[in-house]
Amino acid sequence: MERVDCVGALVYDEQHRLLVVKRANEPGRGLWSIPGGRVEPGEDDPSAVAREVAEETGLTVEVGELVGEVERPGARGQLYVIRDYEATAVGGRLTAGDDASDARFVTRSEFLTMSTATLLVSTLTQWNALPG
C-alpha cells in the first residue's frame, strides 16, 4: 500500500465553533470536513497545516499541538495517514478557496446535522474535539 501523509486543522473561534469546509473535489466532494490535505515533499506538518488552511479558507493560522492521527484507505491502494492539529486563526479573511466550495464556523448542533466526511464525527467525539 502506498502511504500518503496528510494533515488537518482543528480551528475554533472565540465561541468554540469549529471551522469546516465543504469539499469541492474528490475524495469526499460535497461533504463537510475540516481543512487539510496532503503534506508536500520536503514540507513539515505545521507548514502543511498552515498552507492548507490558507488555501481552503483564506485564514492564516498558528499551528499548535497534535490532536490525533487516523488512517483511511484510498481508492487506488493508498493508505491516507492523517494527522490533525490544533490551530488558531491569527489573520486573513474567511472565504472558500482552492478545494473548498464553502467554508464556515459551525456550532455543535449545526455540525452534527451536516453531511460530513467518513468517520469525522466519531473521530472528533473520541478526541473530545467537537465544537462547543
N, C-alpha and C. Protein backbone atom coordinates (compact mmCIF):
# COMPACT_ATOMS: atom_id res chain seq x y z
N MET A 1 0.84 -1.18 0.00
CA MET A 1 0.00 0.00 0.00
C MET A 1 0.88 1.25 0.00
N GLU A 2 0.52 2.20 -0.84
CA GLU A 2 1.24 3.48 -0.88
C GLU A 2 0.75 4.37 0.26
N ARG A 3 1.67 4.84 1.08
CA ARG A 3 1.33 5.73 2.20
C ARG A 3 1.28 7.17 1.69
N VAL A 4 0.20 7.87 2.06
CA VAL A 4 0.05 9.28 1.71
C VAL A 4 -0.12 10.06 3.02
N ASP A 5 0.87 10.89 3.34
CA ASP A 5 0.81 11.69 4.56
C ASP A 5 -0.07 12.91 4.34
N CYS A 6 -1.00 13.12 5.27
CA CYS A 6 -1.93 14.24 5.20
C CYS A 6 -2.05 14.89 6.58
N VAL A 7 -2.54 16.12 6.57
CA VAL A 7 -2.77 16.85 7.82
C VAL A 7 -4.15 17.50 7.79
N GLY A 8 -4.65 17.83 8.96
CA GLY A 8 -5.89 18.56 9.09
C GLY A 8 -5.77 19.56 10.23
N ALA A 9 -6.67 20.55 10.22
CA ALA A 9 -6.62 21.61 11.24
C ALA A 9 -7.93 21.69 11.99
N LEU A 10 -7.84 21.69 13.30
CA LEU A 10 -8.99 21.93 14.17
C LEU A 10 -8.88 23.37 14.64
N VAL A 11 -9.66 24.24 14.00
CA VAL A 11 -9.64 25.67 14.27
C VAL A 11 -10.97 26.05 14.88
N TYR A 12 -10.94 26.67 16.05
CA TYR A 12 -12.15 27.11 16.72
C TYR A 12 -12.12 28.63 16.86
N ASP A 13 -13.30 29.25 16.80
CA ASP A 13 -13.36 30.69 17.04
C ASP A 13 -13.61 30.95 18.53
N GLU A 14 -13.83 32.21 18.88
CA GLU A 14 -13.99 32.57 20.29
C GLU A 14 -15.24 31.97 20.92
N GLN A 15 -16.24 31.56 20.12
CA GLN A 15 -17.43 30.88 20.65
C GLN A 15 -17.26 29.35 20.61
N HIS A 16 -16.06 28.88 20.32
CA HIS A 16 -15.70 27.47 20.19
C HIS A 16 -16.49 26.78 19.08
N ARG A 17 -16.80 27.57 18.04
CA ARG A 17 -17.36 26.97 16.82
C ARG A 17 -16.19 26.43 16.01
N LEU A 18 -16.42 25.34 15.27
CA LEU A 18 -15.37 24.67 14.51
C LEU A 18 -15.37 25.13 13.06
N LEU A 19 -14.19 25.37 12.53
CA LEU A 19 -14.02 25.73 11.12
C LEU A 19 -14.16 24.47 10.27
N VAL A 20 -15.10 24.50 9.31
CA VAL A 20 -15.30 23.37 8.40
C VAL A 20 -15.31 23.90 6.96
N VAL A 21 -14.99 22.99 6.05
CA VAL A 21 -15.03 23.31 4.63
C VAL A 21 -15.86 22.25 3.91
N LYS A 22 -16.53 22.67 2.85
CA LYS A 22 -17.26 21.73 2.00
C LYS A 22 -16.34 21.37 0.84
N ARG A 23 -16.04 20.09 0.71
CA ARG A 23 -15.10 19.62 -0.30
C ARG A 23 -15.64 19.84 -1.71
N ALA A 24 -14.84 20.49 -2.56
CA ALA A 24 -15.22 20.76 -3.94
C ALA A 24 -14.78 19.64 -4.87
N ASN A 25 -13.85 18.80 -4.42
CA ASN A 25 -13.28 17.73 -5.25
C ASN A 25 -13.26 16.42 -4.48
N GLU A 26 -13.00 15.35 -5.21
CA GLU A 26 -12.83 14.04 -4.58
C GLU A 26 -11.48 13.99 -3.87
N PRO A 27 -11.30 13.22 -2.83
CA PRO A 27 -12.35 12.40 -2.20
C PRO A 27 -13.30 13.25 -1.36
N GLY A 28 -14.52 12.83 -1.30
CA GLY A 28 -15.49 13.49 -0.44
C GLY A 28 -16.16 14.72 -1.00
N ARG A 29 -16.22 14.85 -2.32
CA ARG A 29 -16.88 16.02 -2.93
C ARG A 29 -18.27 16.19 -2.33
N GLY A 30 -18.59 17.42 -1.91
CA GLY A 30 -19.90 17.73 -1.36
C GLY A 30 -20.05 17.46 0.12
N LEU A 31 -19.05 16.83 0.73
CA LEU A 31 -19.11 16.55 2.17
C LEU A 31 -18.35 17.62 2.94
N TRP A 32 -18.77 17.83 4.17
CA TRP A 32 -18.09 18.78 5.05
C TRP A 32 -16.96 18.07 5.79
N SER A 33 -15.87 18.79 5.99
CA SER A 33 -14.72 18.26 6.70
C SER A 33 -13.96 19.41 7.33
N ILE A 34 -12.87 19.09 7.99
CA ILE A 34 -12.00 20.15 8.48
C ILE A 34 -10.99 20.46 7.37
N PRO A 35 -10.44 21.67 7.36
CA PRO A 35 -9.45 21.99 6.32
C PRO A 35 -8.22 21.09 6.44
N GLY A 36 -7.69 20.70 5.30
CA GLY A 36 -6.49 19.86 5.32
C GLY A 36 -6.21 19.26 3.97
N GLY A 37 -5.13 18.49 3.91
CA GLY A 37 -4.75 17.85 2.67
C GLY A 37 -3.39 17.20 2.78
N ARG A 38 -2.80 16.92 1.64
CA ARG A 38 -1.52 16.21 1.59
C ARG A 38 -0.35 17.07 2.05
N VAL A 39 0.60 16.40 2.67
CA VAL A 39 1.88 17.03 3.01
C VAL A 39 2.75 16.92 1.76
N GLU A 40 3.25 18.05 1.28
CA GLU A 40 4.08 18.07 0.07
C GLU A 40 5.50 17.59 0.41
N PRO A 41 6.21 17.04 -0.59
CA PRO A 41 7.60 16.60 -0.35
C PRO A 41 8.45 17.73 0.23
N GLY A 42 9.20 17.42 1.29
CA GLY A 42 10.06 18.40 1.94
C GLY A 42 9.36 19.32 2.91
N GLU A 43 8.05 19.16 3.07
CA GLU A 43 7.26 20.03 3.94
C GLU A 43 7.04 19.35 5.28
N ASP A 44 7.12 20.10 6.38
CA ASP A 44 6.79 19.52 7.68
C ASP A 44 5.30 19.72 7.95
N ASP A 45 4.79 19.01 8.96
CA ASP A 45 3.35 19.06 9.24
C ASP A 45 2.84 20.47 9.53
N PRO A 46 3.49 21.26 10.42
CA PRO A 46 2.95 22.60 10.68
C PRO A 46 2.87 23.47 9.43
N SER A 47 3.87 23.39 8.57
CA SER A 47 3.84 24.17 7.32
C SER A 47 2.69 23.71 6.43
N ALA A 48 2.48 22.40 6.36
CA ALA A 48 1.38 21.86 5.54
C ALA A 48 0.03 22.29 6.09
N VAL A 49 -0.14 22.27 7.41
CA VAL A 49 -1.40 22.70 8.03
C VAL A 49 -1.67 24.16 7.67
N ALA A 50 -0.68 25.02 7.88
CA ALA A 50 -0.85 26.45 7.62
C ALA A 50 -1.17 26.69 6.14
N ARG A 51 -0.48 26.01 5.25
CA ARG A 51 -0.72 26.17 3.81
C ARG A 51 -2.12 25.73 3.43
N GLU A 52 -2.52 24.54 3.88
CA GLU A 52 -3.84 24.01 3.54
C GLU A 52 -4.97 24.91 4.06
N VAL A 53 -4.85 25.38 5.30
CA VAL A 53 -5.89 26.26 5.85
C VAL A 53 -5.97 27.55 5.02
N ALA A 54 -4.83 28.13 4.70
CA ALA A 54 -4.83 29.36 3.90
C ALA A 54 -5.44 29.13 2.52
N GLU A 55 -5.08 28.02 1.88
CA GLU A 55 -5.60 27.73 0.54
C GLU A 55 -7.10 27.49 0.55
N GLU A 56 -7.60 26.80 1.56
CA GLU A 56 -9.01 26.40 1.58
C GLU A 56 -9.94 27.41 2.23
N THR A 57 -9.39 28.27 3.13
CA THR A 57 -10.27 29.16 3.89
C THR A 57 -9.87 30.64 3.86
N GLY A 58 -8.68 30.96 3.38
CA GLY A 58 -8.22 32.34 3.40
C GLY A 58 -7.68 32.80 4.74
N LEU A 59 -7.68 31.93 5.74
CA LEU A 59 -7.22 32.30 7.08
C LEU A 59 -5.75 31.93 7.29
N THR A 60 -5.07 32.77 8.06
CA THR A 60 -3.72 32.49 8.50
C THR A 60 -3.81 31.90 9.90
N VAL A 61 -3.09 30.80 10.15
CA VAL A 61 -3.18 30.15 11.46
C VAL A 61 -1.80 29.93 12.07
N GLU A 62 -1.80 29.88 13.39
CA GLU A 62 -0.66 29.39 14.17
C GLU A 62 -1.00 27.94 14.51
N VAL A 63 -0.09 27.04 14.20
CA VAL A 63 -0.34 25.62 14.40
C VAL A 63 0.12 25.21 15.80
N GLY A 64 -0.73 24.47 16.48
CA GLY A 64 -0.45 24.02 17.84
C GLY A 64 -0.12 22.54 17.90
N GLU A 65 -0.62 21.90 18.94
CA GLU A 65 -0.31 20.51 19.24
C GLU A 65 -1.06 19.53 18.35
N LEU A 66 -0.48 18.35 18.19
CA LEU A 66 -1.14 17.24 17.51
C LEU A 66 -2.30 16.78 18.37
N VAL A 67 -3.49 16.66 17.76
CA VAL A 67 -4.67 16.19 18.47
C VAL A 67 -4.81 14.68 18.32
N GLY A 68 -4.56 14.16 17.11
CA GLY A 68 -4.69 12.74 16.88
C GLY A 68 -4.33 12.36 15.46
N GLU A 69 -4.27 11.05 15.23
CA GLU A 69 -3.92 10.51 13.92
C GLU A 69 -4.88 9.39 13.56
N VAL A 70 -5.29 9.37 12.29
CA VAL A 70 -6.15 8.30 11.79
C VAL A 70 -5.59 7.79 10.46
N GLU A 71 -5.98 6.58 10.10
CA GLU A 71 -5.62 6.02 8.80
C GLU A 71 -6.90 5.70 8.06
N ARG A 72 -6.93 6.06 6.78
CA ARG A 72 -8.10 5.80 5.93
C ARG A 72 -7.62 5.19 4.62
N PRO A 73 -8.25 4.10 4.16
CA PRO A 73 -7.87 3.52 2.87
C PRO A 73 -8.30 4.42 1.73
N GLY A 74 -7.47 4.48 0.68
CA GLY A 74 -7.79 5.27 -0.51
C GLY A 74 -8.34 4.39 -1.62
N ALA A 75 -8.72 5.03 -2.71
CA ALA A 75 -9.37 4.34 -3.81
C ALA A 75 -8.43 3.44 -4.61
N ARG A 76 -7.16 3.80 -4.72
CA ARG A 76 -6.24 3.05 -5.57
C ARG A 76 -5.12 2.40 -4.75
N GLY A 77 -5.48 1.72 -3.70
CA GLY A 77 -4.49 1.03 -2.89
C GLY A 77 -3.64 1.94 -2.04
N GLN A 78 -4.12 3.15 -1.82
CA GLN A 78 -3.37 4.09 -0.99
C GLN A 78 -3.85 4.00 0.45
N LEU A 79 -2.97 4.36 1.36
CA LEU A 79 -3.32 4.48 2.76
C LEU A 79 -3.06 5.92 3.18
N TYR A 80 -4.13 6.66 3.47
CA TYR A 80 -4.00 8.03 3.91
C TYR A 80 -3.76 8.04 5.41
N VAL A 81 -2.63 8.58 5.83
CA VAL A 81 -2.29 8.74 7.24
C VAL A 81 -2.49 10.23 7.54
N ILE A 82 -3.52 10.51 8.34
CA ILE A 82 -3.95 11.90 8.56
C ILE A 82 -3.68 12.29 10.01
N ARG A 83 -2.87 13.34 10.17
CA ARG A 83 -2.56 13.88 11.50
C ARG A 83 -3.27 15.23 11.64
N ASP A 84 -4.13 15.34 12.66
CA ASP A 84 -4.90 16.56 12.88
C ASP A 84 -4.31 17.36 14.03
N TYR A 85 -4.17 18.66 13.80
CA TYR A 85 -3.53 19.57 14.74
C TYR A 85 -4.49 20.67 15.17
N GLU A 86 -4.30 21.14 16.41
CA GLU A 86 -4.97 22.36 16.84
C GLU A 86 -4.36 23.51 16.06
N ALA A 87 -5.17 24.51 15.73
CA ALA A 87 -4.65 25.70 15.08
C ALA A 87 -5.51 26.89 15.49
N THR A 88 -4.89 28.05 15.55
CA THR A 88 -5.57 29.27 15.95
C THR A 88 -5.51 30.28 14.82
N ALA A 89 -6.66 30.81 14.41
CA ALA A 89 -6.68 31.82 13.36
C ALA A 89 -6.08 33.12 13.90
N VAL A 90 -5.13 33.66 13.16
CA VAL A 90 -4.46 34.90 13.58
C VAL A 90 -4.56 35.99 12.53
N GLY A 91 -5.21 35.72 11.40
CA GLY A 91 -5.35 36.73 10.35
C GLY A 91 -6.08 36.17 9.16
N GLY A 92 -6.18 37.00 8.14
CA GLY A 92 -6.86 36.62 6.92
C GLY A 92 -8.34 36.91 6.99
N ARG A 93 -9.04 36.55 5.92
CA ARG A 93 -10.48 36.74 5.83
C ARG A 93 -11.10 35.43 5.37
N LEU A 94 -12.10 34.95 6.10
CA LEU A 94 -12.72 33.67 5.81
C LEU A 94 -13.43 33.70 4.46
N THR A 95 -12.94 32.86 3.56
CA THR A 95 -13.54 32.73 2.24
C THR A 95 -13.16 31.36 1.67
N ALA A 96 -14.11 30.69 1.04
CA ALA A 96 -13.82 29.38 0.45
C ALA A 96 -12.87 29.56 -0.72
N GLY A 97 -11.90 28.66 -0.82
CA GLY A 97 -10.97 28.74 -1.92
C GLY A 97 -10.39 27.38 -2.23
N ASP A 98 -9.61 27.27 -3.29
CA ASP A 98 -8.89 26.07 -3.67
C ASP A 98 -9.84 24.87 -3.75
N ASP A 99 -9.71 23.91 -2.86
CA ASP A 99 -10.50 22.67 -2.91
C ASP A 99 -11.83 22.77 -2.16
N ALA A 100 -12.21 23.96 -1.71
CA ALA A 100 -13.43 24.12 -0.91
C ALA A 100 -14.48 24.92 -1.66
N SER A 101 -15.73 24.46 -1.61
CA SER A 101 -16.82 25.23 -2.22
C SER A 101 -17.51 26.12 -1.19
N ASP A 102 -17.23 25.89 0.09
CA ASP A 102 -17.78 26.71 1.16
C ASP A 102 -16.88 26.54 2.38
N ALA A 103 -16.85 27.54 3.24
CA ALA A 103 -16.08 27.48 4.49
C ALA A 103 -16.82 28.31 5.52
N ARG A 104 -16.93 27.76 6.72
CA ARG A 104 -17.64 28.48 7.79
C ARG A 104 -17.32 27.89 9.15
N PHE A 105 -17.61 28.66 10.19
CA PHE A 105 -17.53 28.17 11.56
C PHE A 105 -18.92 27.67 11.95
N VAL A 106 -18.99 26.51 12.62
CA VAL A 106 -20.28 25.93 12.98
C VAL A 106 -20.31 25.52 14.45
N THR A 107 -21.52 25.57 15.00
CA THR A 107 -21.76 25.10 16.36
C THR A 107 -21.85 23.58 16.36
N ARG A 108 -21.88 23.00 17.52
CA ARG A 108 -22.01 21.54 17.63
C ARG A 108 -23.32 21.07 16.98
N SER A 109 -24.43 21.73 17.28
CA SER A 109 -25.71 21.28 16.72
C SER A 109 -25.71 21.39 15.20
N GLU A 110 -25.13 22.44 14.64
CA GLU A 110 -25.02 22.56 13.18
C GLU A 110 -24.14 21.44 12.62
N PHE A 111 -23.00 21.23 13.25
CA PHE A 111 -22.04 20.23 12.79
C PHE A 111 -22.67 18.84 12.75
N LEU A 112 -23.43 18.50 13.78
CA LEU A 112 -24.00 17.15 13.89
C LEU A 112 -25.10 16.89 12.86
N THR A 113 -25.61 17.94 12.21
CA THR A 113 -26.64 17.74 11.18
C THR A 113 -26.06 17.79 9.76
N MET A 114 -24.77 18.07 9.63
CA MET A 114 -24.16 18.18 8.30
C MET A 114 -23.75 16.82 7.75
N SER A 115 -23.70 16.72 6.44
CA SER A 115 -23.15 15.53 5.78
C SER A 115 -21.64 15.67 5.80
N THR A 116 -20.99 14.88 6.66
CA THR A 116 -19.55 15.03 6.88
C THR A 116 -18.76 13.86 6.31
N ALA A 117 -17.46 14.08 6.18
CA ALA A 117 -16.55 13.05 5.71
C ALA A 117 -16.66 11.81 6.61
N THR A 118 -16.37 10.67 6.03
CA THR A 118 -16.48 9.39 6.73
C THR A 118 -15.73 9.42 8.06
N LEU A 119 -16.42 9.03 9.11
CA LEU A 119 -15.88 8.88 10.47
C LEU A 119 -15.42 10.18 11.13
N LEU A 120 -15.69 11.34 10.52
CA LEU A 120 -15.24 12.59 11.13
C LEU A 120 -15.91 12.83 12.48
N VAL A 121 -17.22 12.67 12.55
CA VAL A 121 -17.94 12.94 13.80
C VAL A 121 -17.46 11.99 14.90
N SER A 122 -17.36 10.70 14.60
CA SER A 122 -16.94 9.75 15.64
C SER A 122 -15.50 9.99 16.07
N THR A 123 -14.64 10.36 15.14
CA THR A 123 -13.25 10.63 15.49
C THR A 123 -13.15 11.85 16.39
N LEU A 124 -13.82 12.94 16.02
CA LEU A 124 -13.77 14.14 16.86
C LEU A 124 -14.43 13.91 18.21
N THR A 125 -15.44 13.06 18.25
CA THR A 125 -16.06 12.70 19.53
C THR A 125 -15.05 11.96 20.41
N GLN A 126 -14.34 10.99 19.83
CA GLN A 126 -13.31 10.24 20.58
C GLN A 126 -12.24 11.17 21.13
N TRP A 127 -11.87 12.17 20.36
CA TRP A 127 -10.80 13.10 20.76
C TRP A 127 -11.33 14.23 21.64
N ASN A 128 -12.62 14.24 21.96
CA ASN A 128 -13.24 15.32 22.72
C ASN A 128 -12.99 16.66 22.02
N ALA A 129 -13.17 16.67 20.69
CA ALA A 129 -12.83 17.85 19.88
C ALA A 129 -14.03 18.39 19.11
N LEU A 130 -15.25 18.00 19.49
CA LEU A 130 -16.43 18.57 18.83
C LEU A 130 -16.54 20.06 19.18
N PRO A 131 -17.19 20.83 18.32
CA PRO A 131 -17.39 22.24 18.66
C PRO A 131 -18.18 22.38 19.95
N GLY A 132 -18.06 23.54 20.60
CA GLY A 132 -18.69 23.80 21.90
C GLY A 132 -20.17 23.85 21.88
